[in-house]
Amino acid sequence: MGLVAAKDSADVATRADVVLMCVTSTGAVEVAVFGPDGVAEAPPFVKVLVDLSTTEAPITVEFANRLMDQAGAPVSGGPAAALSGTLAIMAGGDPIAIEARTPLMTDLAARFTHMGKVGAGQITKMINQVLVLTNYCVLAEALVLAEKGGYRCQQGAGSPGRGTCRFESVESHVPADDR
């Protein structure tokens, strides 16, 4: 496959034209990019960094201002979507740089969308998270209501997960025999 182990982030950046990174927090991005042996230490840093992490938009903008070419492009869909190639990537960055990276990104994701300037991908991801978490709260309340009413969700024509209330949160978190 042409894969070669690297000793650190700077080594990766030295060898690659495009560095894709997906870590767990804004602080982890800072360490991977600006810490000892980080991506920014690769000589010369004129490559592209695509940060697929879910991070804080203002800090993403600050980091981009310190680099030559960075796109903030958080992913959505979780491990199952990553394995199936159905991730959604919401990118923020220079339109020309984003367009140049689109073929690579569409190999990783079912949907790759340029949302605007650096930070716009992170804002879009936060909006996505608010909507998903709101759905989880509503789903929890609906299931409690069903349980208190003695109702097995699978018994009714308007069962969660069927008809107009069908959505991924129900399919992922309500057992199939209760849908």
C-alpha atoms as a PDB file:
ATOM      1  CA  MET A   1       0.000   0.000   0.000  1.00  0.00           C
ATOM      2  CA  GLY A   2       2.990   2.299   0.176  1.00  0.00           C
ATOM      3  CA  LEU A   3       2.584   3.010   3.883  1.00  0.00           C
ATOM      4  CA  VAL A   4       5.707   3.962   5.793  1.00  0.00           C
ATOM      5  CA  ALA A   5       5.892   4.441   9.562  1.00  0.00           C
ATOM      6  CA  ALA A   6       6.892   7.914  10.717  1.00  0.00           C
ATOM      7  CA  LYS A   7       8.614   8.748  13.987  1.00  0.00           C
ATOM      8  CA  ASP A   8       6.543  11.872  14.739  1.00  0.00           C
ATOM      9  CA  SER A   9       4.223  14.497  13.248  1.00  0.00           C
ATOM     10  CA  ALA A  10       7.094  16.503  11.732  1.00  0.00           C
ATOM     11  CA  ASP A  11       8.329  13.369   9.975  1.00  0.00           C
ATOM     12  CA  VAL A  12       4.856  12.806   8.533  1.00  0.00           C
ATOM     13  CA  ALA A  13       4.712  16.399   7.263  1.00  0.00           C
ATOM     14  CA  THR A  14       8.198  16.150   5.761  1.00  0.00           C
ATOM     15  CA  ARG A  15       7.181  13.106   3.704  1.00  0.00           C
ATOM     16  CA  ALA A  16       3.628  14.065   2.698  1.00  0.00           C
ATOM     17  CA  ASP A  17       2.126  16.688   0.408  1.00  0.00           C
ATOM     18  CA  VAL A  18      -1.101  16.663   2.396  1.00  0.00           C
ATOM     19  CA  VAL A  19      -1.355  15.884   6.119  1.00  0.00           C
ATOM     20  CA  LEU A  20      -4.715  14.615   7.358  1.00  0.00           C
ATOM     21  CA  MET A  21      -5.198  14.755  11.100  1.00  0.00           C
ATOM     22  CA  CYS A  22      -8.098  13.671  13.310  1.00  0.00           C
ATOM     23  CA  VAL A  23      -7.478  13.912  17.047  1.00  0.00           C
ATOM     24  CA  THR A  24      -9.690  14.216  20.098  1.00  0.00           C
ATOM     25  CA  SER A  25      -9.454  17.876  21.092  1.00  0.00           C
ATOM     26  CA  THR A  26      -8.259  21.371  20.266  1.00  0.00           C
ATOM     27  CA  GLY A  27      -5.368  20.871  22.700  1.00  0.00           C
ATOM     28  CA  ALA A  28      -4.334  17.679  20.900  1.00  0.00           C
ATOM     29  CA  VAL A  29      -4.310  19.594  17.599  1.00  0.00           C
ATOM     30  CA  GLU A  30      -2.032  22.212  19.129  1.00  0.00           C
ATOM     31  CA  VAL A  31       0.414  19.558  20.359  1.00  0.00           C
ATOM     32  CA  ALA A  32       0.392  17.625  17.063  1.00  0.00           C
ATOM     33  CA  VAL A  33       0.943  20.766  15.002  1.00  0.00           C
ATOM     34  CA  PHE A  34       2.888  23.226  17.152  1.00  0.00           C
ATOM     35  CA  GLY A  35       4.402  21.004  19.854  1.00  0.00           C
ATOM     36  CA  PRO A  36       7.862  19.451  19.820  1.00  0.00           C
ATOM     37  CA  ASP A  37       8.313  17.481  16.577  1.00  0.00           C
ATOM     38  CA  GLY A  38       4.943  18.825  15.397  1.00  0.00           C
ATOM     39  CA  VAL A  39       3.741  19.289  11.826  1.00  0.00           C
ATOM     40  CA  ALA A  40       4.806  22.964  11.791  1.00  0.00           C
ATOM     41  CA  GLU A  41       8.430  21.968  12.438  1.00  0.00           C
ATOM     42  CA  ALA A  42       8.707  20.136   9.123  1.00  0.00           C
ATOM     43  CA  PRO A  43      11.122  22.020   6.845  1.00  0.00           C
ATOM     44  CA  PRO A  44       9.706  23.850   4.922  1.00  0.00           C
ATOM     45  CA  PHE A  45       6.076  23.881   5.935  1.00  0.00           C
ATOM     46  CA  VAL A  46       4.375  24.767   2.662  1.00  0.00           C
ATOM     47  CA  LYS A  47       2.163  21.717   2.589  1.00  0.00           C
ATOM     48  CA  VAL A  48      -1.509  21.372   3.288  1.00  0.00           C
ATOM     49  CA  LEU A  49      -2.869  20.405   6.704  1.00  0.00           C
ATOM     50  CA  VAL A  50      -6.441  19.145   6.795  1.00  0.00           C
ATOM     51  CA  ASP A  51      -7.686  18.948  10.363  1.00  0.00           C
ATOM     52  CA  LEU A  52     -10.589  16.501  10.511  1.00  0.00           C
ATOM     53  CA  SER A  53     -10.986  16.930  14.277  1.00  0.00           C
ATOM     54  CA  THR A  54     -13.951  18.512  16.022  1.00  0.00           C
ATOM     55  CA  THR A  55     -12.339  21.600  17.537  1.00  0.00           C
ATOM     56  CA  GLU A  56     -13.089  25.124  18.687  1.00  0.00           C
ATOM     57  CA  ALA A  57     -13.696  27.438  15.704  1.00  0.00           C
ATOM     58  CA  PRO A  58     -11.819  30.522  17.041  1.00  0.00           C
ATOM     59  CA  ILE A  59      -8.759  28.422  17.872  1.00  0.00           C
ATOM     60  CA  THR A  60      -8.921  26.729  14.458  1.00  0.00           C
ATOM     61  CA  VAL A  61      -8.795  30.193  12.861  1.00  0.00           C
ATOM     62  CA  GLU A  62      -5.870  31.159  15.101  1.00  0.00           C
ATOM     63  CA  PHE A  63      -3.981  27.982  14.135  1.00  0.00           C
ATOM     64  CA  ALA A  64      -4.681  28.566  10.439  1.00  0.00           C
ATOM     65  CA  ASN A  65      -3.252  32.071  10.705  1.00  0.00           C
ATOM     66  CA  ARG A  66      -0.001  30.521  11.950  1.00  0.00           C
ATOM     67  CA  LEU A  67       0.236  28.048   9.047  1.00  0.00           C
ATOM     68  CA  MET A  68       0.658  28.328   5.299  1.00  0.00           C
ATOM     69  CA  ASP A  69      -2.384  26.288   4.244  1.00  0.00           C
ATOM     70  CA  GLN A  70      -4.866  24.739   6.636  1.00  0.00           C
ATOM     71  CA  ALA A  71      -8.403  23.546   6.201  1.00  0.00           C
ATOM     72  CA  GLY A  72     -10.617  22.850   9.176  1.00  0.00           C
ATOM     73  CA  ALA A  73     -12.758  19.940   8.038  1.00  0.00           C
ATOM     74  CA  PRO A  74     -14.473  18.096  10.890  1.00  0.00           C
ATOM     75  CA  VAL A  75     -16.107  14.777  10.153  1.00  0.00           C
ATOM     76  CA  SER A  76     -19.528  13.518  11.123  1.00  0.00           C
ATOM     77  CA  GLY A  77     -20.907  10.017  11.194  1.00  0.00           C
ATOM     78  CA  GLY A  78     -18.752   8.194  13.708  1.00  0.00           C
ATOM     79  CA  PRO A  79     -16.775   4.982  13.395  1.00  0.00           C
ATOM     80  CA  ALA A  80     -19.480   3.129  11.456  1.00  0.00           C
ATOM     81  CA  ALA A  81     -19.556   5.827   8.774  1.00  0.00           C
ATOM     82  CA  ALA A  82     -15.754   5.902   8.635  1.00  0.00           C
ATOM     83  CA  LEU A  83     -15.667   2.149   8.004  1.00  0.00           C
ATOM     84  CA  SER A  84     -18.402   2.291   5.374  1.00  0.00           C
ATOM     85  CA  GLY A  85     -17.069   5.403   3.601  1.00  0.00           C
ATOM     86  CA  THR A  86     -20.198   7.410   4.362  1.00  0.00           C
ATOM     87  CA  LEU A  87     -18.717  10.199   6.495  1.00  0.00           C
ATOM     88  CA  ALA A  88     -19.779  13.782   6.008  1.00  0.00           C
ATOM     89  CA  ILE A  89     -16.943  16.334   5.992  1.00  0.00           C
ATOM     90  CA  MET A  90     -17.702  20.020   6.523  1.00  0.00           C
ATOM     91  CA  ALA A  91     -14.726  22.076   5.351  1.00  0.00           C
ATOM     92  CA  GLY A  92     -13.707  25.621   6.053  1.00  0.00           C
ATOM     93  CA  GLY A  93     -10.796  27.231   4.259  1.00  0.00           C
ATOM     94  CA  ASP A  94      -9.574  28.966   1.127  1.00  0.00           C
ATOM     95  CA  PRO A  95     -11.893  28.016  -1.780  1.00  0.00           C
ATOM     96  CA  ILE A  96      -9.014  27.248  -4.161  1.00  0.00           C
ATOM     97  CA  ALA A  97      -7.265  25.029  -1.594  1.00  0.00           C
ATOM     98  CA  ILE A  98     -10.538  23.266  -0.777  1.00  0.00           C
ATOM     99  CA  GLU A  99     -11.263  22.652  -4.454  1.00  0.00           C
ATOM    100  CA  ALA A 100      -7.780  21.197  -4.930  1.00  0.00           C
ATOM    101  CA  ARG A 101      -8.354  18.769  -2.041  1.00  0.00           C
ATOM    102  CA  THR A 102     -11.872  17.711  -3.052  1.00  0.00           C
ATOM    103  CA  PRO A 103     -10.823  14.526  -4.935  1.00  0.00           C
ATOM    104  CA  LEU A 104      -8.899  13.289  -1.882  1.00  0.00           C
ATOM    105  CA  MET A 105     -11.698  14.193   0.515  1.00  0.00           C
ATOM    106  CA  THR A 106     -14.395  12.533  -1.578  1.00  0.00           C
ATOM    107  CA  ASP A 107     -12.369   9.315  -1.362  1.00  0.00           C
ATOM    108  CA  LEU A 108     -12.818   9.530   2.424  1.00  0.00           C
ATOM    109  CA  ALA A 109     -16.403  10.695   2.642  1.00  0.00           C
ATOM    110  CA  ALA A 110     -19.767  10.369   0.966  1.00  0.00           C
ATOM    111  CA  ARG A 111     -20.266  14.127   1.376  1.00  0.00           C
ATOM    112  CA  PHE A 112     -17.550  16.769   1.319  1.00  0.00           C
ATOM    113  CA  THR A 113     -18.917  20.304   1.499  1.00  0.00           C
ATOM    114  CA  HIS A 114     -17.076  23.625   1.532  1.00  0.00           C
ATOM    115  CA  MET A 115     -18.873  25.692   4.171  1.00  0.00           C
ATOM    116  CA  GLY A 116     -16.860  28.930   3.902  1.00  0.00           C
ATOM    117  CA  LYS A 117     -13.736  30.408   5.434  1.00  0.00           C
ATOM    118  CA  VAL A 118     -11.568  28.653   8.032  1.00  0.00           C
ATOM    119  CA  GLY A 119     -13.716  27.956  11.090  1.00  0.00           C
ATOM    120  CA  ALA A 120     -16.942  27.511   9.109  1.00  0.00           C
ATOM    121  CA  GLY A 121     -16.550  23.729   9.125  1.00  0.00           C
ATOM    122  CA  GLN A 122     -16.252  23.761  12.915  1.00  0.00           C
ATOM    123  CA  ILE A 123     -19.335  25.977  13.274  1.00  0.00           C
ATOM    124  CA  THR A 124     -21.288  23.650  10.968  1.00  0.00           C
ATOM    125  CA  LYS A 125     -20.172  20.638  13.026  1.00  0.00           C
ATOM    126  CA  MET A 126     -21.317  22.353  16.237  1.00  0.00           C
ATOM    127  CA  ILE A 127     -24.727  23.042  14.677  1.00  0.00           C
ATOM    128  CA  ASN A 128     -24.869  19.376  13.654  1.00  0.00           C
ATOM    129  CA  GLN A 129     -24.028  18.301  17.203  1.00  0.00           C
ATOM    130  CA  VAL A 130     -26.711  20.562  18.707  1.00  0.00           C
ATOM    131  CA  LEU A 131     -29.312  19.036  16.397  1.00  0.00           C
ATOM    132  CA  VAL A 132     -28.187  15.463  17.090  1.00  0.00           C
ATOM    133  CA  LEU A 133     -28.084  15.937  20.860  1.00  0.00           C
ATOM    134  CA  THR A 134     -31.475  17.658  20.829  1.00  0.00           C
ATOM    135  CA  ASN A 135     -32.862  14.638  18.984  1.00  0.00           C
ATOM    136  CA  TYR A 136     -31.375  12.335  21.637  1.00  0.00           C
ATOM    137  CA  CYS A 137     -33.115  14.313  24.390  1.00  0.00           C
ATOM    138  CA  VAL A 138     -36.452  14.239  22.591  1.00  0.00           C
ATOM    139  CA  LEU A 139     -36.051  10.527  21.847  1.00  0.00           C
ATOM    140  CA  ALA A 140     -35.356   9.800  25.529  1.00  0.00           C
ATOM    141  CA  GLU A 141     -38.487  11.702  26.564  1.00  0.00           C
ATOM    142  CA  ALA A 142     -40.586   9.895  23.943  1.00  0.00           C
ATOM    143  CA  LEU A 143     -39.382   6.488  25.105  1.00  0.00           C
ATOM    144  CA  VAL A 144     -40.140   7.347  28.743  1.00  0.00           C
ATOM    145  CA  LEU A 145     -43.616   8.473  27.686  1.00  0.00           C
ATOM    146  CA  ALA A 146     -44.125   5.208  25.808  1.00  0.00           C
ATOM    147  CA  GLU A 147     -42.912   3.127  28.741  1.00  0.00           C
ATOM    148  CA  LYS A 148     -45.098   4.963  31.280  1.00  0.00           C
ATOM    149  CA  GLY A 149     -48.067   4.479  28.984  1.00  0.00           C
ATOM    150  CA  GLY A 150     -47.414   0.749  28.766  1.00  0.00           C
ATOM    151  CA  TYR A 151     -46.806   1.075  25.056  1.00  0.00           C
ATOM    152  CA  ARG A 152     -44.388  -1.121  23.117  1.00  0.00           C
ATOM    153  CA  CYS A 153     -43.212   1.123  20.301  1.00  0.00           C
ATOM    154  CA  GLN A 154     -43.450  -1.688  17.742  1.00  0.00           C
ATOM    155  CA  GLN A 155     -47.223  -1.942  18.262  1.00  0.00           C
ATOM    156  CA  GLY A 156     -48.258   1.354  16.686  1.00  0.00           C
ATOM    157  CA  ALA A 157     -48.299   2.618  13.125  1.00  0.00           C
ATOM    158  CA  GLY A 158     -46.488   5.773  14.278  1.00  0.00           C
ATOM    159  CA  SER A 159     -43.686   3.838  15.947  1.00  0.00           C
ATOM    160  CA  PRO A 160     -40.387   5.631  16.438  1.00  0.00           C
ATOM    161  CA  GLY A 161     -38.206   4.870  13.462  1.00  0.00           C
ATOM    162  CA  ARG A 162     -41.078   4.555  10.996  1.00  0.00           C
ATOM    163  CA  GLY A 163     -42.822   7.075   8.819  1.00  0.00           C
ATOM    164  CA  THR A 164     -41.957  10.731   9.128  1.00  0.00           C
ATOM    165  CA  CYS A 165     -40.202  10.309  12.465  1.00  0.00           C
ATOM    166  CA  ARG A 166     -37.558   7.968  11.006  1.00  0.00           C
ATOM    167  CA  PHE A 167     -34.078   9.259  11.785  1.00  0.00           C
ATOM    168  CA  GLU A 168     -30.626   7.889  12.516  1.00  0.00           C
ATOM    169  CA  SER A 169     -30.845   8.459  16.274  1.00  0.00           C
ATOM    170  CA  VAL A 170     -33.815   6.092  16.539  1.00  0.00           C
ATOM    171  CA  GLU A 171     -32.175   3.485  14.322  1.00  0.00           C
ATOM    172  CA  SER A 172     -28.965   3.650  16.367  1.00  0.00           C
ATOM    173  CA  HIS A 173     -30.409   3.743  19.887  1.00  0.00           C
ATOM    174  CA  VAL A 174     -33.818   2.051  19.945  1.00  0.00           C
ATOM    175  CA  PRO A 175     -33.688  -1.759  19.800  1.00  0.00           C
ATOM    176  CA  ALA A 176     -35.104  -3.080  16.526  1.00  0.00           C
ATOM    177  CA  ASP A 177     -37.894  -4.990  18.283  1.00  0.00           C
ATOM    178  CA  ASP A 178     -39.049  -1.698  19.859  1.00  0.00           C
ATOM    179  CA  ARG A 179     -39.177   0.233  16.576  1.00  0.00           C
END
